[in-house]
C-alpha cells in the first residue's frame, strides 16, 4: 500500500496551517453566516492537488478512496459499492485536506455511503455522530459547531454525500477540541490506496 498523505499533514489540519500566501483564513463568522468560501493554504492546496492527481494517475476516484480508507473496504468491495451502491453507513473523521481556518476553529467531515445529498439527513446524522463521539459538546458549555454542506460546484467527492463540521471552544484557551478530536478512531490513520 502506498500512503497518499504526508505524516505531518494531520497535525497541520488539527492545529492550523496558517503559512500560505492566501489573503486570510476562513473566520468563524463566515462559517456561521453560511457565506463560507473554502480556502486552503498554498501548501495545503498543493498537497490536496497532488493527492487528487495521484488518484487520477491510478485511475481511481475520490469516492473509491473514501470507501477504501474511511469505510475500510477492500478494493473489490469499494468498486462494487461505486457500481451498485452500498448499505447506508456513516463515519465521522478528521479532514486530512482541511480548509485554512482561523485559530481555534477545527474541521471534521461526516461521510455517508449514500450518494444522495439530503441536507436535512446530513445535518441530523452529523449531530448524532457528534453526540456519540463527543458528548461533552452537549453537556458542557462553551462549545459551538456548524454543519456545512458544500454546493455542488465546490465538491471534489461528488458521488458520496458528506458534510463539513466546524467546531470551536469559545470559553477555553487552550481549546479542549484537539484532545477530543484525537479520540476519533479514524483521525490517526493515513489515507492509503491499494
Protein backbone atom coordinates (compact mmCIF):
# COMPACT_ATOMS: atom_id res chain seq x y z
CA UNK A 1 0.00 0.00 0.00
CA UNK A 2 1.16 3.47 -0.80
CA UNK A 3 0.48 6.35 1.56
CA UNK A 4 -1.01 9.41 -0.10
CA UNK A 5 -0.74 11.65 2.95
CA UNK A 6 2.36 13.18 4.43
CA UNK A 7 2.66 12.18 8.13
CA UNK A 8 2.66 15.77 9.37
CA UNK A 9 -0.48 16.70 7.46
CA UNK A 10 -2.90 15.69 10.21
CA UNK A 11 -1.06 17.95 12.64
CA UNK A 12 -1.40 20.81 10.15
CA UNK A 13 -5.14 20.22 9.94
CA UNK A 14 -5.74 19.88 13.67
CA UNK A 15 -3.53 22.68 14.84
CA UNK A 16 -3.81 25.15 11.98
CA UNK A 17 -1.87 25.60 8.80
CA UNK A 18 -1.54 29.34 8.55
CA UNK A 19 1.63 29.73 6.48
CA UNK A 20 0.13 30.13 3.00
CA UNK A 21 0.22 33.15 0.71
CA UNK A 22 -3.57 33.42 0.69
CA UNK A 23 -5.44 36.53 1.73
CA UNK A 24 -6.71 35.21 5.06
CA UNK A 25 -8.11 32.24 6.92
CA UNK A 26 -11.81 31.45 6.99
CA UNK A 27 -13.34 33.03 10.09
CA UNK A 28 -15.96 31.66 12.45
CA UNK A 29 -18.26 34.50 11.41
CA UNK A 30 -18.00 33.46 7.75
CA UNK A 31 -18.79 29.87 8.66
CA UNK A 32 -21.81 30.84 10.79
CA UNK A 33 -23.13 33.22 8.15
CA UNK A 34 -23.35 30.45 5.58
CA UNK A 35 -21.10 32.52 3.30
CA UNK A 36 -18.22 30.07 3.52
CA UNK A 37 -15.80 30.25 0.62
CA UNK A 38 -13.48 27.35 1.38
CA UNK A 39 -9.77 28.03 1.00
CA UNK A 40 -6.68 26.07 1.83
CA UNK A 41 -3.22 27.40 2.38
CA UNK A 42 -0.98 27.30 -0.68
CA UNK A 43 0.83 24.28 0.77
CA UNK A 44 -2.42 22.57 1.80
CA UNK A 45 -3.86 23.04 -1.69
CA UNK A 46 -0.67 21.72 -3.28
CA UNK A 47 -0.83 18.57 -1.16
CA UNK A 48 -4.53 18.08 -1.95
CA UNK A 49 -3.92 18.58 -5.68
CA UNK A 50 -1.08 16.02 -5.56
CA UNK A 51 -3.38 13.56 -3.82
CA UNK A 52 -6.11 14.01 -6.46
CA UNK A 53 -3.53 13.73 -9.27
CA UNK A 54 -2.17 10.51 -7.79
CA UNK A 55 -5.68 9.05 -7.61
CA UNK A 56 -6.28 10.05 -11.24
CA UNK A 57 -2.94 8.54 -12.30
CA UNK A 58 -4.04 5.26 -10.67
CA UNK A 59 -7.43 5.61 -12.45
CA UNK A 60 -9.18 5.84 -9.07
CA UNK A 61 -11.89 8.23 -7.96
CA UNK A 62 -12.07 10.22 -4.73
CA UNK A 63 -15.16 8.10 -3.93
CA UNK A 64 -13.07 4.92 -4.21
CA UNK A 65 -10.54 6.40 -1.79
CA UNK A 66 -13.30 7.26 0.71
CA UNK A 67 -14.79 3.75 0.52
CA UNK A 68 -11.40 2.15 0.98
CA UNK A 69 -9.87 4.47 3.56
CA UNK A 70 -12.77 5.79 5.60
CA UNK A 71 -15.11 2.80 5.36
CA UNK A 72 -12.25 0.24 5.41
CA UNK A 73 -13.43 -1.60 2.30
CA UNK A 74 -11.13 -3.74 0.21
CA UNK A 75 -10.67 -2.83 -3.45
CA UNK A 76 -13.29 -5.28 -4.72
CA UNK A 77 -15.99 -4.11 -2.31
CA UNK A 78 -15.20 -0.43 -2.97
CA UNK A 79 -15.58 -0.97 -6.71
CA UNK A 80 -18.83 -2.89 -6.14
CA UNK A 81 -20.19 -0.04 -3.99
CA UNK A 82 -19.32 2.53 -6.66
CA UNK A 83 -21.07 0.49 -9.33
CA UNK A 84 -24.07 -0.87 -7.38
CA UNK A 85 -24.36 1.18 -4.19
CA UNK A 86 -23.81 0.08 -0.61
CA UNK A 87 -25.87 -0.18 2.55
CA UNK A 88 -26.07 3.18 4.30
CA UNK A 89 -23.15 3.81 6.64
CA UNK A 90 -21.78 6.98 8.22
CA UNK A 91 -18.36 7.94 9.55
CA UNK A 92 -17.09 10.99 11.39
CA UNK A 93 -13.46 11.73 10.50
CA UNK A 94 -10.89 14.47 10.54
CA UNK A 95 -10.28 16.23 7.25
CA UNK A 96 -6.81 15.32 6.01
CA UNK A 97 -7.11 18.16 3.50
CA UNK A 98 -8.76 20.73 5.69
CA UNK A 99 -9.56 24.34 4.99
CA UNK A 100 -7.44 27.23 6.22
CA UNK A 101 -9.29 28.24 9.38
CA UNK A 102 -8.71 30.97 11.90
CA UNK A 103 -7.07 29.86 15.15
CA UNK A 104 -9.41 27.95 17.44
CA UNK A 105 -11.67 26.60 14.67
CA UNK A 106 -11.46 22.89 13.82
CA UNK A 107 -12.91 20.84 10.98
CA UNK A 108 -14.36 17.34 10.77
CA UNK A 109 -16.10 15.51 7.95
CA UNK A 110 -19.12 13.25 8.11
CA UNK A 111 -19.16 10.85 5.17
CA UNK A 112 -22.05 8.70 4.05
CA UNK A 113 -22.09 5.76 1.65
CA UNK A 114 -25.34 7.27 0.39
CA UNK A 115 -24.89 9.22 -2.86
CA UNK A 116 -27.96 11.40 -2.21
CA UNK A 117 -27.35 14.88 -0.83
CA UNK A 118 -30.30 15.29 1.52
CA UNK A 119 -29.34 18.37 3.57
CA UNK A 120 -31.65 17.61 6.49
CA UNK A 121 -30.46 13.99 6.75
CA UNK A 122 -26.79 15.02 6.60
CA UNK A 123 -27.26 17.64 9.31
CA UNK A 124 -29.18 15.19 11.52
CA UNK A 125 -26.63 12.39 11.11
CA UNK A 126 -23.78 14.83 11.75
CA UNK A 127 -25.36 15.84 15.05
CA UNK A 128 -25.99 12.19 16.02
CA UNK A 129 -22.34 11.34 15.39
CA UNK A 130 -21.16 14.39 17.33
CA UNK A 131 -23.31 13.26 20.28
CA UNK A 132 -21.91 9.73 20.02
CA UNK A 133 -18.24 10.70 19.80
CA UNK A 134 -18.22 13.96 21.75
CA UNK A 135 -20.93 14.03 24.43
CA UNK A 136 -19.04 16.95 26.02
CA UNK A 137 -20.28 19.19 23.21
CA UNK A 138 -23.81 18.72 24.54
CA UNK A 139 -23.18 18.55 28.28
CA UNK A 140 -20.59 21.30 28.79
CA UNK A 141 -20.85 24.98 27.96
CA UNK A 142 -18.65 26.85 25.53
CA UNK A 143 -18.71 24.54 22.52
CA UNK A 144 -20.20 25.62 19.21
CA UNK A 145 -20.47 23.84 15.87
CA UNK A 146 -21.81 24.45 12.40
CA UNK A 147 -22.68 21.79 9.83
CA UNK A 148 -21.88 22.98 6.31
CA UNK A 149 -22.72 21.23 3.04
CA UNK A 150 -20.79 22.46 0.04
CA UNK A 151 -22.71 23.48 -3.06
CA UNK A 152 -22.20 21.06 -5.99
CA UNK A 153 -19.58 23.31 -7.61
CA UNK A 154 -17.27 23.03 -4.57
CA UNK A 155 -17.45 19.24 -4.11
CA UNK A 156 -14.39 17.20 -5.02
CA UNK A 157 -16.07 14.00 -3.77
CA UNK A 158 -19.27 14.40 -5.75
CA UNK A 159 -20.59 10.83 -5.62
CA UNK A 160 -20.82 10.43 -1.83
CA UNK A 161 -22.84 12.69 0.41
CA UNK A 162 -20.83 14.37 3.14
CA UNK A 163 -20.91 17.33 5.48
CA UNK A 164 -18.19 19.61 6.82
CA UNK A 165 -18.47 20.18 10.57
CA UNK A 166 -16.71 23.18 12.06
CA UNK A 167 -16.22 23.40 15.82
CA UNK A 168 -14.85 25.84 18.31
CA UNK A 169 -14.43 26.10 22.06
CA UNK A 170 -15.17 29.74 22.82
CA UNK A 171 -14.53 29.60 26.57
CA UNK A 172 -11.24 27.75 26.94
CA UNK A 173 -7.71 28.66 25.94
CA UNK A 174 -6.12 26.40 25.02
CA UNK A 175 -9.09 24.71 23.38
CA UNK A 176 -10.22 21.29 24.56
CA UNK A 177 -11.14 20.30 21.00
CA UNK A 178 -7.79 18.88 19.79
CA UNK A 179 -7.83 16.30 22.61
CA UNK A 180 -11.45 15.39 21.86
CA UNK A 181 -10.86 15.12 18.12
CA UNK A 182 -7.82 12.94 18.66
CA UNK A 183 -10.15 10.31 20.20
CA UNK A 184 -11.73 9.61 16.82
CA UNK A 185 -10.57 6.18 15.70
CA UNK A 186 -10.27 7.44 12.13
CA UNK A 187 -8.23 10.53 12.99
CA UNK A 188 -4.81 8.95 13.27
CA UNK A 189 -4.50 6.83 10.15
CA UNK A 190 -3.02 7.98 6.88
CA UNK A 191 -5.10 7.71 3.76
CA UNK A 192 -3.85 4.80 1.67
CA UNK A 193 -4.84 3.30 -1.61
CA UNK A 194 -4.15 -0.32 -2.51
